[in-house]
Amino acid sequence: MKITEISRKAAKIGLNAQGMKKVELVRAIQSAEGNAACFDTEKSDCDQLACCWREDCLPKQRRVL
Protein backbone atom coordinates (compact mmCIF):
# COMPACT_ATOMS: atom_id res chain seq x y z
CA MET A 1 0.00 0.00 0.00
CA LYS A 2 1.38 3.40 -0.94
CA ILE A 3 1.82 6.22 1.57
CA THR A 4 -0.95 8.28 -0.04
CA GLU A 5 -3.43 5.46 0.50
CA ILE A 6 -2.22 4.97 4.05
CA SER A 7 -2.54 8.71 4.74
CA ARG A 8 -6.14 8.64 3.48
CA LYS A 9 -6.91 5.71 5.78
CA ALA A 10 -5.34 7.60 8.69
CA ALA A 11 -7.40 10.71 7.93
CA LYS A 12 -10.60 8.65 7.90
CA ILE A 13 -9.98 7.59 11.49
CA GLY A 14 -8.83 11.02 12.61
CA LEU A 15 -5.05 10.60 12.65
CA ASN A 16 -2.70 13.34 11.44
CA ALA A 17 -0.20 11.67 9.11
CA GLN A 18 1.92 14.76 8.53
CA GLY A 19 5.64 14.05 8.91
CA MET A 20 5.19 10.36 9.66
CA LYS A 21 7.05 7.64 7.81
CA LYS A 22 5.14 4.65 6.46
CA VAL A 23 6.04 2.29 9.30
CA GLU A 24 5.17 4.87 11.98
CA LEU A 25 1.87 5.68 10.32
CA VAL A 26 0.81 2.06 9.86
CA ARG A 27 1.60 1.32 13.50
CA ALA A 28 -0.38 4.40 14.60
CA ILE A 29 -3.35 3.18 12.56
CA GLN A 30 -3.03 -0.31 14.02
CA SER A 31 -3.04 1.13 17.55
CA ALA A 32 -5.97 3.44 16.82
CA GLU A 33 -7.95 0.47 15.55
CA GLY A 34 -7.21 -1.48 18.74
CA ASN A 35 -4.74 -3.88 17.16
CA ALA A 36 -1.14 -4.71 17.98
CA ALA A 37 1.24 -2.15 16.46
CA CYS A 38 3.42 -4.83 14.92
CA PHE A 39 3.88 -3.73 11.30
CA ASP A 40 7.36 -4.50 9.99
CA THR A 41 8.66 -5.73 13.35
CA GLU A 42 10.00 -8.95 11.82
CA LYS A 43 7.48 -11.01 13.76
CA SER A 44 7.68 -14.37 11.98
CA ASP A 45 4.70 -16.04 13.67
CA CYS A 46 1.98 -13.57 12.63
CA ASP A 47 -1.47 -15.01 13.16
CA GLN A 48 -3.37 -11.95 11.93
CA LEU A 49 -4.69 -13.46 8.70
CA ALA A 50 -7.22 -10.68 8.06
CA CYS A 51 -4.75 -7.82 8.61
CA CYS A 52 -4.87 -5.31 5.75
CA TRP A 53 -1.11 -4.70 6.15
CA ARG A 54 -0.14 -8.37 5.89
CA GLU A 55 0.93 -8.23 2.23
CA ASP A 56 3.26 -5.27 2.84
CA CYS A 57 4.58 -6.66 6.11
CA LEU A 58 5.32 -10.34 5.58
CA PRO A 59 7.39 -10.16 2.39
CA LYS A 60 9.87 -7.93 4.24
CA GLN A 61 10.12 -10.48 7.02
CA ARG A 62 10.79 -13.32 4.59
CA ARG A 63 13.64 -11.37 3.00
CA VAL A 64 15.28 -10.94 6.40
CA LEU A 65 14.99 -14.61 7.37
C-alpha atoms as a PDB file:
ATOM      1  CA  MET A   1       0.000   0.000   0.000  1.00  0.00           C
ATOM      2  CA  LYS A   2       1.379   3.397  -0.942  1.00  0.00           C
ATOM      3  CA  ILE A   3       1.824   6.217   1.568  1.00  0.00           C
ATOM      4  CA  THR A   4      -0.952   8.285  -0.041  1.00  0.00           C
ATOM      5  CA  GLU A   5      -3.434   5.461   0.503  1.00  0.00           C
ATOM      6  CA  ILE A   6      -2.217   4.972   4.054  1.00  0.00           C
ATOM      7  CA  SER A   7      -2.540   8.712   4.736  1.00  0.00           C
ATOM      8  CA  ARG A   8      -6.141   8.639   3.479  1.00  0.00           C
ATOM      9  CA  LYS A   9      -6.907   5.706   5.779  1.00  0.00           C
ATOM     10  CA  ALA A  10      -5.341   7.600   8.689  1.00  0.00           C
ATOM     11  CA  ALA A  11      -7.395  10.712   7.931  1.00  0.00           C
ATOM     12  CA  LYS A  12     -10.602   8.646   7.896  1.00  0.00           C
ATOM     13  CA  ILE A  13      -9.976   7.587  11.485  1.00  0.00           C
ATOM     14  CA  GLY A  14      -8.832  11.021  12.609  1.00  0.00           C
ATOM     15  CA  LEU A  15      -5.051  10.604  12.649  1.00  0.00           C
ATOM     16  CA  ASN A  16      -2.704  13.339  11.445  1.00  0.00           C
ATOM     17  CA  ALA A  17      -0.204  11.668   9.110  1.00  0.00           C
ATOM     18  CA  GLN A  18       1.919  14.762   8.527  1.00  0.00           C
ATOM     19  CA  GLY A  19       5.636  14.052   8.907  1.00  0.00           C
ATOM     20  CA  MET A  20       5.189  10.361   9.658  1.00  0.00           C
ATOM     21  CA  LYS A  21       7.048   7.640   7.810  1.00  0.00           C
ATOM     22  CA  LYS A  22       5.137   4.654   6.461  1.00  0.00           C
ATOM     23  CA  VAL A  23       6.039   2.287   9.304  1.00  0.00           C
ATOM     24  CA  GLU A  24       5.173   4.867  11.984  1.00  0.00           C
ATOM     25  CA  LEU A  25       1.871   5.680  10.317  1.00  0.00           C
ATOM     26  CA  VAL A  26       0.806   2.061   9.856  1.00  0.00           C
ATOM     27  CA  ARG A  27       1.597   1.318  13.505  1.00  0.00           C
ATOM     28  CA  ALA A  28      -0.380   4.396  14.597  1.00  0.00           C
ATOM     29  CA  ILE A  29      -3.347   3.180  12.558  1.00  0.00           C
ATOM     30  CA  GLN A  30      -3.026  -0.310  14.022  1.00  0.00           C
ATOM     31  CA  SER A  31      -3.045   1.132  17.550  1.00  0.00           C
ATOM     32  CA  ALA A  32      -5.967   3.442  16.824  1.00  0.00           C
ATOM     33  CA  GLU A  33      -7.951   0.466  15.554  1.00  0.00           C
ATOM     34  CA  GLY A  34      -7.214  -1.481  18.742  1.00  0.00           C
ATOM     35  CA  ASN A  35      -4.739  -3.880  17.158  1.00  0.00           C
ATOM     36  CA  ALA A  36      -1.137  -4.711  17.979  1.00  0.00           C
ATOM     37  CA  ALA A  37       1.238  -2.150  16.462  1.00  0.00           C
ATOM     38  CA  CYS A  38       3.418  -4.835  14.921  1.00  0.00           C
ATOM     39  CA  PHE A  39       3.875  -3.726  11.302  1.00  0.00           C
ATOM     40  CA  ASP A  40       7.362  -4.502   9.994  1.00  0.00           C
ATOM     41  CA  THR A  41       8.663  -5.731  13.351  1.00  0.00           C
ATOM     42  CA  GLU A  42      10.005  -8.951  11.822  1.00  0.00           C
ATOM     43  CA  LYS A  43       7.476 -11.008  13.758  1.00  0.00           C
ATOM     44  CA  SER A  44       7.677 -14.366  11.984  1.00  0.00           C
ATOM     45  CA  ASP A  45       4.697 -16.040  13.671  1.00  0.00           C
ATOM     46  CA  CYS A  46       1.983 -13.573  12.629  1.00  0.00           C
ATOM     47  CA  ASP A  47      -1.467 -15.013  13.161  1.00  0.00           C
ATOM     48  CA  GLN A  48      -3.374 -11.946  11.926  1.00  0.00           C
ATOM     49  CA  LEU A  49      -4.694 -13.456   8.703  1.00  0.00           C
ATOM     50  CA  ALA A  50      -7.216 -10.676   8.057  1.00  0.00           C
ATOM     51  CA  CYS A  51      -4.749  -7.824   8.611  1.00  0.00           C
ATOM     52  CA  CYS A  52      -4.871  -5.310   5.750  1.00  0.00           C
ATOM     53  CA  TRP A  53      -1.112  -4.698   6.153  1.00  0.00           C
ATOM     54  CA  ARG A  54      -0.142  -8.368   5.890  1.00  0.00           C
ATOM     55  CA  GLU A  55       0.928  -8.233   2.230  1.00  0.00           C
ATOM     56  CA  ASP A  56       3.262  -5.270   2.837  1.00  0.00           C
ATOM     57  CA  CYS A  57       4.583  -6.662   6.108  1.00  0.00           C
ATOM     58  CA  LEU A  58       5.319 -10.341   5.583  1.00  0.00           C
ATOM     59  CA  PRO A  59       7.389 -10.163   2.388  1.00  0.00           C
ATOM     60  CA  LYS A  60       9.873  -7.932   4.243  1.00  0.00           C
ATOM     61  CA  GLN A  61      10.118 -10.480   7.023  1.00  0.00           C
ATOM     62  CA  ARG A  62      10.795 -13.321   4.591  1.00  0.00           C
ATOM     63  CA  ARG A  63      13.638 -11.372   2.997  1.00  0.00           C
ATOM     64  CA  VAL A  64      15.276 -10.939   6.395  1.00  0.00           C
ATOM     65  CA  LEU A  65      14.993 -14.607   7.369  1.00  0.00           C
END
